[in-house]
Amino acid sequence: MPLPLGPVFGLILFTAFTNCLLYLTPAETGEKRRTLAAVLLTDVVILTEILHFTGGSRNPFSSFYLVHVALAAVALTPVYTGLIAAVCALCFASLFAGRAGTVRAGEVVCGFGPDMAGDLHLKGMLASFVLTAACIAFFAARLQEALRKREREVARLREQSARQEQFAALATLAAGAAHELGTPLGTIAVAAGEIARAAAAERLPTAVAEDARLIREEARRCREILDRLHDKAGDPARRIEASELFERVRERLGSMAALVAFDQANSGVAVHAPAEALVQATVSLIRNAIDAAPPNQIARVLVEPRGENVRLTVADGGAGLGDSVATRAGEPFFTTKPPGSGMGLGLFLVRLLAERLGGSFRLEANQPCGTRAILEIPAPA
């Protein structure tokens, strides 16, 4: 069956060009839809021209109009979909406007393709059905994958939003507690000072004076925690090097710093984060590692670059986490420590810090035993 191959392949190449141009054209959502509708209309007209050149209404590949309608139904608004469907119907009807021309000396007459034999038409119907079904199935599979990806993203955002709401509630509670505790702590410090002076004047047992000094010291420590809580609220993100982070963590840990080994190989590596929040998160991870490990075992802290991020790893040699514990680790007020040893907020706040900075936090098994807490946050631009 002789065909005008020049015009046919010219139209196919023009179709490829317009579709490639669509992918390379940046546009807003509304403009993108108008552009897509224009490209689909162009494809419908080009398909009609190709059918005219290759058998007209007898060409079984006219079923490819359904592919354009399916694409429009999912990718465009109902108005554009109706427009595409109407144009497809009109173009398909135009194929019946004139009978396919006859062939004279290998030339096409009247601009229409040659007549198509019945057996060729039936074989073409089979090929057309297979290709049309394959195109629609492929598009439907892509669509389902996109929907599943969107559902996973929505679920992740919902989970993140729930954690942010929990954090907001905790922040409100902490602010109220800080406000309410300020006066009692001041009173306790004053009373402890009076007890210490009275113990010295009355020559009471030394243990009384020592207890009074201990009470004043603990009250001062609580006041420092409240002050850090106040300062943390306005703590902006800045560049902080690993060496500075390690130094501030050592100061915060006090005597516990002797149980921590800081890897100094990448002490010049820097992160972009609120300094106080990062120090507090690191201290929480280190204290958890020390509590989980056997007595006097060293917890190891490592900072290393990972592409555009910086990875902070705190490893211990404890018994590790069971599956049920690992699943719930990071939930607010969930803890495996004995009563009075922790509130279960440390890992929760670490995870929130990671999400706030666009990073990630996870717990992994450490080899040969123990747990690794891995915090990844962006490096400075």
Protein backbone atom coordinates (compact mmCIF):
# COMPACT_ATOMS: atom_id res chain seq x y z
CA MET A 1 0.00 0.00 0.00
CA PRO A 2 1.93 3.07 -1.22
CA LEU A 3 2.03 5.97 1.25
CA PRO A 4 3.25 9.60 1.12
CA LEU A 5 6.07 8.95 3.58
CA GLY A 6 7.44 12.50 3.46
CA PRO A 7 4.34 14.24 4.85
CA VAL A 8 3.63 11.39 7.29
CA PHE A 9 7.07 11.40 8.89
CA GLY A 10 7.12 15.18 8.81
CA LEU A 11 3.94 15.26 10.90
CA ILE A 12 5.35 12.65 13.32
CA LEU A 13 8.53 14.68 13.83
CA PHE A 14 6.48 17.83 14.35
CA THR A 15 4.48 15.98 17.04
CA ALA A 16 7.70 14.97 18.80
CA PHE A 17 8.97 18.54 18.61
CA THR A 18 5.84 20.04 20.19
CA ASN A 19 5.86 17.48 23.02
CA CYS A 20 9.53 18.08 23.77
CA LEU A 21 8.84 21.80 23.76
CA LEU A 22 6.12 21.22 26.36
CA TYR A 23 8.61 19.63 28.80
CA LEU A 24 11.12 22.45 28.30
CA THR A 25 8.59 25.24 28.87
CA PRO A 26 8.54 26.42 32.51
CA ALA A 27 5.12 27.73 33.47
CA GLU A 28 2.76 28.20 36.38
CA THR A 29 0.07 25.60 37.00
CA GLY A 30 -2.71 27.48 35.18
CA GLU A 31 -0.53 28.40 32.21
CA LYS A 32 0.84 24.85 32.07
CA ARG A 33 -2.68 23.49 31.70
CA ARG A 34 -3.45 25.88 28.87
CA THR A 35 -0.19 24.91 27.19
CA LEU A 36 -0.96 21.21 27.63
CA ALA A 37 -4.44 21.70 26.19
CA ALA A 38 -2.96 23.47 23.18
CA VAL A 39 -0.46 20.65 22.64
CA LEU A 40 -3.18 18.00 22.90
CA LEU A 41 -5.31 19.88 20.36
CA THR A 42 -2.29 20.09 18.08
CA ASP A 43 -1.72 16.34 18.48
CA VAL A 44 -5.37 15.63 17.62
CA VAL A 45 -5.14 17.71 14.42
CA ILE A 46 -1.84 16.06 13.47
CA LEU A 47 -3.29 12.60 14.11
CA THR A 48 -6.21 13.50 11.86
CA GLU A 49 -3.85 14.56 9.05
CA ILE A 50 -1.84 11.35 9.39
CA LEU A 51 -5.05 9.29 9.20
CA HIS A 52 -6.13 11.23 6.10
CA PHE A 53 -2.85 10.35 4.43
CA THR A 54 -3.03 6.68 5.46
CA GLY A 55 -6.53 5.44 4.73
CA GLY A 56 -8.92 8.03 6.14
CA SER A 57 -11.92 6.61 7.96
CA ARG A 58 -10.84 3.06 7.13
CA ASN A 59 -7.61 3.42 9.10
CA PRO A 60 -8.18 1.45 12.35
CA PHE A 61 -5.69 3.61 14.26
CA SER A 62 -8.41 6.23 14.66
CA SER A 63 -8.89 4.59 18.09
CA PHE A 64 -5.88 6.65 19.19
CA TYR A 65 -8.32 9.54 19.65
CA LEU A 66 -9.25 7.78 22.89
CA VAL A 67 -5.70 8.20 24.20
CA HIS A 68 -5.98 11.98 23.84
CA VAL A 69 -9.34 12.00 25.60
CA ALA A 70 -7.94 9.87 28.46
CA LEU A 71 -4.95 12.19 28.86
CA ALA A 72 -7.20 15.24 28.92
CA ALA A 73 -9.61 13.67 31.40
CA VAL A 74 -6.85 13.25 33.99
CA ALA A 75 -4.49 16.14 33.29
CA LEU A 76 -6.93 18.95 32.43
CA THR A 77 -10.05 20.60 33.81
CA PRO A 78 -13.54 19.39 32.74
CA VAL A 79 -13.89 22.35 30.35
CA TYR A 80 -10.68 21.51 28.53
CA THR A 81 -11.57 17.81 28.59
CA GLY A 82 -14.91 18.51 26.93
CA LEU A 83 -13.16 20.66 24.34
CA ILE A 84 -10.62 17.91 23.54
CA ALA A 85 -13.40 15.29 23.29
CA ALA A 86 -15.46 17.50 20.96
CA VAL A 87 -12.48 18.22 18.70
CA CYS A 88 -11.66 14.49 18.56
CA ALA A 89 -15.23 13.71 17.52
CA LEU A 90 -15.21 16.41 14.83
CA CYS A 91 -11.84 15.32 13.48
CA PHE A 92 -12.95 11.69 13.41
CA ALA A 93 -16.11 12.73 11.56
CA SER A 94 -14.02 14.69 9.06
CA LEU A 95 -12.37 11.43 8.00
CA PHE A 96 -15.73 10.46 6.42
CA ALA A 97 -15.92 13.67 4.38
CA GLY A 98 -14.39 12.03 1.35
CA ARG A 99 -13.52 8.53 0.32
CA ALA A 100 -9.87 7.64 0.30
CA GLY A 101 -8.40 8.40 -3.09
CA THR A 102 -7.22 5.81 -5.59
CA VAL A 103 -3.68 5.24 -6.68
CA ARG A 104 -2.52 6.22 -10.15
CA ALA A 105 1.05 5.38 -11.01
CA GLY A 106 2.00 5.41 -7.31
CA GLU A 107 0.61 8.90 -6.67
CA VAL A 108 -2.02 9.90 -4.12
CA VAL A 109 -5.14 11.61 -5.46
CA CYS A 110 -7.17 14.36 -3.67
CA GLY A 111 -4.81 14.55 -0.67
CA PHE A 112 -6.27 11.41 0.94
CA GLY A 113 -4.53 8.15 1.49
CA PRO A 114 -5.13 5.10 -0.67
CA ASP A 115 -8.02 2.77 -0.08
CA MET A 116 -7.34 0.03 2.49
CA ALA A 117 -8.15 -3.61 1.87
CA GLY A 118 -10.53 -5.36 4.25
CA ASP A 119 -8.06 -7.92 5.59
CA LEU A 120 -5.48 -5.20 6.20
CA HIS A 121 -8.11 -3.17 8.07
CA LEU A 122 -8.92 -6.14 10.34
CA LYS A 123 -5.26 -6.77 11.12
CA GLY A 124 -4.85 -3.07 11.79
CA MET A 125 -7.74 -3.18 14.26
CA LEU A 126 -5.86 -5.79 16.28
CA ALA A 127 -2.63 -3.77 16.24
CA SER A 128 -4.56 -0.61 17.05
CA PHE A 129 -6.29 -2.23 20.01
CA VAL A 130 -3.01 -3.54 21.42
CA LEU A 131 -1.20 -0.21 21.08
CA THR A 132 -4.11 1.88 22.36
CA ALA A 133 -4.57 -0.40 25.37
CA ALA A 134 -0.80 -0.33 26.04
CA CYS A 135 -0.71 3.50 25.93
CA ILE A 136 -3.69 3.86 28.27
CA ALA A 137 -2.38 1.17 30.64
CA PHE A 138 1.05 2.81 30.74
CA PHE A 139 -0.49 6.20 31.45
CA ALA A 140 -2.78 4.73 34.14
CA ALA A 141 0.20 3.03 35.81
CA ARG A 142 2.14 6.30 35.82
CA LEU A 143 -0.90 8.05 37.26
CA GLN A 144 -1.31 5.48 40.05
CA GLU A 145 2.35 5.77 40.95
CA ALA A 146 2.02 9.56 41.09
CA LEU A 147 -1.04 9.21 43.32
CA ARG A 148 0.76 6.80 45.64
CA LYS A 149 3.69 9.18 45.84
CA ARG A 150 1.34 12.06 46.62
CA GLU A 151 -0.39 9.98 49.32
CA ARG A 152 2.97 9.16 50.91
CA GLU A 153 3.90 12.84 50.84
CA VAL A 154 0.56 13.84 52.37
CA ALA A 155 0.98 11.21 55.10
CA ARG A 156 4.49 12.48 55.82
CA LEU A 157 3.26 16.08 56.00
CA ARG A 158 0.43 15.07 58.31
CA GLU A 159 2.85 13.28 60.60
CA GLN A 160 5.16 16.28 60.55
CA SER A 161 2.25 18.62 61.25
CA ALA A 162 1.17 16.46 64.19
CA ARG A 163 4.69 16.61 65.62
CA GLN A 164 4.76 20.37 65.15
CA GLU A 165 1.47 20.65 67.01
CA GLN A 166 2.91 18.53 69.82
CA PHE A 167 5.99 20.73 69.87
CA ALA A 168 3.85 23.88 69.99
CA ALA A 169 1.90 22.45 72.93
CA LEU A 170 5.16 21.55 74.70
CA ALA A 171 6.60 24.99 74.00
CA THR A 172 3.52 26.63 75.49
CA LEU A 173 3.76 24.35 78.51
CA ALA A 174 7.48 25.06 78.90
CA ALA A 175 6.92 28.82 78.69
CA GLY A 176 4.25 28.63 81.36
CA ALA A 177 6.43 26.43 83.56
CA ALA A 178 9.37 28.78 83.18
CA HIS A 179 7.20 31.73 84.16
CA GLU A 180 5.73 29.94 87.16
CA LEU A 181 9.02 28.45 88.39
CA GLY A 182 11.01 31.67 88.39
CA THR A 183 9.64 33.00 91.70
CA PRO A 184 9.77 29.69 93.64
CA LEU A 185 13.36 29.13 92.58
CA GLY A 186 14.33 32.59 93.77
CA THR A 187 12.62 31.95 97.08
CA ILE A 188 14.37 28.59 97.46
CA ALA A 189 17.76 30.19 96.78
CA VAL A 190 17.15 32.93 99.36
CA ALA A 191 15.93 30.45 101.96
CA ALA A 192 18.92 28.19 101.36
CA GLY A 193 21.24 31.15 101.85
CA GLU A 194 19.56 32.02 105.14
CA ILE A 195 19.89 28.41 106.29
CA ALA A 196 23.58 28.41 105.43
CA ARG A 197 24.19 31.65 107.38
CA ALA A 198 22.16 30.39 110.31
CA ALA A 199 24.10 27.14 110.29
CA ALA A 200 27.37 29.04 110.39
CA ALA A 201 26.19 31.38 113.17
CA GLU A 202 24.66 28.69 115.34
CA ARG A 203 27.47 26.26 114.67
CA LEU A 204 25.11 23.59 113.42
CA PRO A 205 26.46 20.33 112.00
CA THR A 206 28.48 20.71 108.83
CA ALA A 207 26.00 18.51 106.95
CA VAL A 208 23.31 21.19 107.35
CA ALA A 209 25.49 23.86 105.77
CA GLU A 210 26.48 21.49 102.96
CA ASP A 211 22.82 20.66 102.27
CA ALA A 212 22.01 24.36 102.15
CA ARG A 213 24.82 25.00 99.67
CA LEU A 214 23.62 22.03 97.59
CA ILE A 215 20.11 23.44 97.53
CA ARG A 216 21.43 26.83 96.38
CA GLU A 217 23.56 25.19 93.71
CA GLU A 218 20.65 23.17 92.35
CA ALA A 219 18.41 26.24 92.39
CA ARG A 220 21.08 28.14 90.45
CA ARG A 221 21.31 25.27 87.96
CA CYS A 222 17.54 25.31 87.47
CA ARG A 223 17.70 29.07 86.92
CA GLU A 224 20.37 28.58 84.24
CA ILE A 225 18.15 26.02 82.50
CA LEU A 226 15.26 28.48 82.48
CA ASP A 227 17.55 31.21 81.13
CA ARG A 228 18.72 28.91 78.34
CA LEU A 229 15.09 28.11 77.57
CA HIS A 230 14.41 31.82 77.27
CA ASP A 231 17.46 32.42 75.08
CA LYS A 232 16.69 29.40 72.92
CA ALA A 233 13.39 30.93 71.77
CA GLY A 234 15.29 33.62 69.88
CA ASP A 235 18.28 31.52 68.87
CA PRO A 236 18.89 32.15 65.14
CA ALA A 237 20.54 29.64 62.82
CA ARG A 238 24.21 30.37 62.16
CA ARG A 239 27.43 28.68 61.11
CA ILE A 240 28.85 26.52 63.89
CA GLU A 241 31.96 24.36 63.51
CA ALA A 242 32.36 20.92 65.02
CA SER A 243 35.16 22.14 67.30
CA GLU A 244 32.89 24.82 68.78
CA LEU A 245 30.06 22.32 69.15
CA PHE A 246 32.31 19.84 70.95
CA GLU A 247 33.60 22.54 73.30
CA ARG A 248 30.12 23.71 74.27
CA VAL A 249 28.93 20.12 74.71
CA ARG A 250 31.85 19.36 77.05
CA GLU A 251 30.96 22.39 79.17
CA ARG A 252 27.33 21.30 79.35
CA LEU A 253 28.18 17.70 80.25
CA GLY A 254 30.56 18.60 83.07
CA SER A 255 32.07 15.51 84.67
CA MET A 256 30.17 13.25 82.24
CA ALA A 257 32.44 14.51 79.43
CA ALA A 258 35.08 12.02 80.63
CA LEU A 259 32.84 9.23 79.27
CA VAL A 260 32.70 10.70 75.75
CA ALA A 261 35.22 10.35 72.93
CA PHE A 262 34.95 13.18 70.40
CA ASP A 263 36.38 12.42 66.97
CA GLN A 264 38.52 15.43 66.02
CA ALA A 265 39.25 14.31 62.44
CA ASN A 266 36.63 16.68 61.01
CA SER A 267 36.67 19.40 63.66
CA GLY A 268 36.64 22.06 60.94
CA VAL A 269 33.38 20.80 59.42
CA ALA A 270 30.55 23.30 59.96
CA VAL A 271 26.77 23.13 60.06
CA HIS A 272 24.07 25.77 59.76
CA ALA A 273 21.81 25.53 62.80
CA PRO A 274 20.69 27.31 65.98
CA ALA A 275 23.68 26.83 68.25
CA GLU A 276 21.83 26.32 71.53
CA ALA A 277 19.31 23.89 70.02
CA LEU A 278 22.10 21.87 68.39
CA VAL A 279 24.11 21.73 71.61
CA GLN A 280 21.05 20.62 73.56
CA ALA A 281 20.23 17.94 70.96
CA THR A 282 23.81 16.61 71.03
CA VAL A 283 23.85 16.56 74.85
CA SER A 284 20.55 14.62 74.88
CA LEU A 285 21.94 12.02 72.47
CA ILE A 286 25.16 11.65 74.47
CA ARG A 287 23.33 11.26 77.77
CA ASN A 288 21.09 8.61 76.25
CA ALA A 289 24.19 6.79 74.97
CA ILE A 290 25.87 6.93 78.39
CA ASP A 291 22.72 5.70 80.13
CA ALA A 292 22.32 2.82 77.65
CA ALA A 293 25.95 1.66 77.84
CA PRO A 294 27.51 -0.42 80.64
CA PRO A 295 29.16 1.56 83.46
CA ASN A 296 32.26 3.53 82.50
CA GLN A 297 31.96 2.64 78.81
CA ILE A 298 32.85 5.38 76.36
CA ALA A 299 30.25 6.91 74.03
CA ARG A 300 31.66 8.02 70.68
CA VAL A 301 30.72 11.22 68.82
CA LEU A 302 31.59 11.65 65.15
CA VAL A 303 30.96 14.54 62.75
CA GLU A 304 31.51 13.96 59.03
CA PRO A 305 30.43 15.63 55.76
CA ARG A 306 27.82 13.81 53.64
CA GLY A 307 27.32 15.62 50.35
CA GLU A 308 25.32 18.77 51.08
CA ASN A 309 24.69 17.63 54.67
CA VAL A 310 26.74 17.04 57.77
CA ARG A 311 26.20 13.85 59.76
CA LEU A 312 26.47 13.82 63.55
CA THR A 313 26.68 10.27 64.94
CA VAL A 314 26.53 9.28 68.62
CA ALA A 315 27.28 5.57 69.18
CA ASP A 316 27.06 3.48 72.32
CA GLY A 317 27.90 -0.13 73.17
CA GLY A 318 24.72 -0.97 75.04
CA ALA A 319 22.20 -3.72 74.50
CA GLY A 320 20.55 -1.95 71.57
CA LEU A 321 16.88 -1.22 70.91
CA GLY A 322 14.20 -3.82 70.34
CA ASP A 323 11.85 -3.47 67.38
CA SER A 324 8.97 -2.18 69.48
CA VAL A 325 11.16 0.37 71.24
CA ALA A 326 12.82 1.51 67.99
CA THR A 327 9.38 2.09 66.47
CA ARG A 328 8.24 4.35 69.30
CA ALA A 329 11.57 6.07 69.98
CA GLY A 330 11.11 9.78 69.42
CA GLU A 331 7.49 9.90 70.56
CA PRO A 332 6.90 12.55 73.23
CA PHE A 333 6.92 11.23 76.80
CA PHE A 334 7.98 7.72 75.72
CA THR A 335 11.02 6.50 77.64
CA THR A 336 12.57 3.22 78.73
CA LYS A 337 14.38 4.82 81.66
CA PRO A 338 13.27 4.26 85.26
CA PRO A 339 10.73 6.73 86.69
CA GLY A 340 12.34 10.02 87.56
CA SER A 341 15.28 9.49 85.19
CA GLY A 342 13.77 11.11 82.10
CA MET A 343 10.60 12.50 80.53
CA GLY A 344 10.99 11.01 77.05
CA LEU A 345 11.39 14.36 75.28
CA GLY A 346 15.05 14.24 74.24
CA LEU A 347 14.72 12.25 71.01
CA PHE A 348 11.45 14.01 70.21
CA LEU A 349 13.17 17.41 70.30
CA VAL A 350 16.12 16.08 68.28
CA ARG A 351 13.74 14.86 65.57
CA LEU A 352 11.93 18.19 65.52
CA LEU A 353 15.23 20.04 65.15
CA ALA A 354 16.15 17.84 62.18
CA GLU A 355 12.80 18.48 60.47
CA ARG A 356 13.01 22.19 61.18
CA LEU A 357 16.41 22.38 59.47
CA GLY A 358 15.39 20.16 56.53
CA GLY A 359 17.52 17.25 57.72
CA SER A 360 16.77 13.82 59.15
CA PHE A 361 17.19 11.77 62.32
CA ARG A 362 17.21 8.00 62.76
CA LEU A 363 18.38 5.24 65.04
CA GLU A 364 20.41 2.30 63.72
CA ALA A 365 21.98 -0.80 65.18
CA ASN A 366 25.63 -0.36 66.02
CA GLN A 367 28.11 -3.14 65.29
CA PRO A 368 28.84 -5.36 67.13
CA CYS A 369 26.35 -4.09 69.73
CA GLY A 370 24.58 -0.96 70.80
CA THR A 371 22.81 1.85 68.93
CA ARG A 372 23.84 4.68 66.66
CA ALA A 373 21.86 7.92 66.74
CA ILE A 374 22.37 9.72 63.41
CA LEU A 375 21.44 13.38 62.95
CA GLU A 376 21.91 14.88 59.47
CA ILE A 377 21.52 18.61 58.92
CA PRO A 378 22.48 20.89 56.02
CA ALA A 379 25.97 22.32 55.75
CA PRO A 380 26.36 26.10 55.33
CA ALA A 381 25.79 27.32 51.76
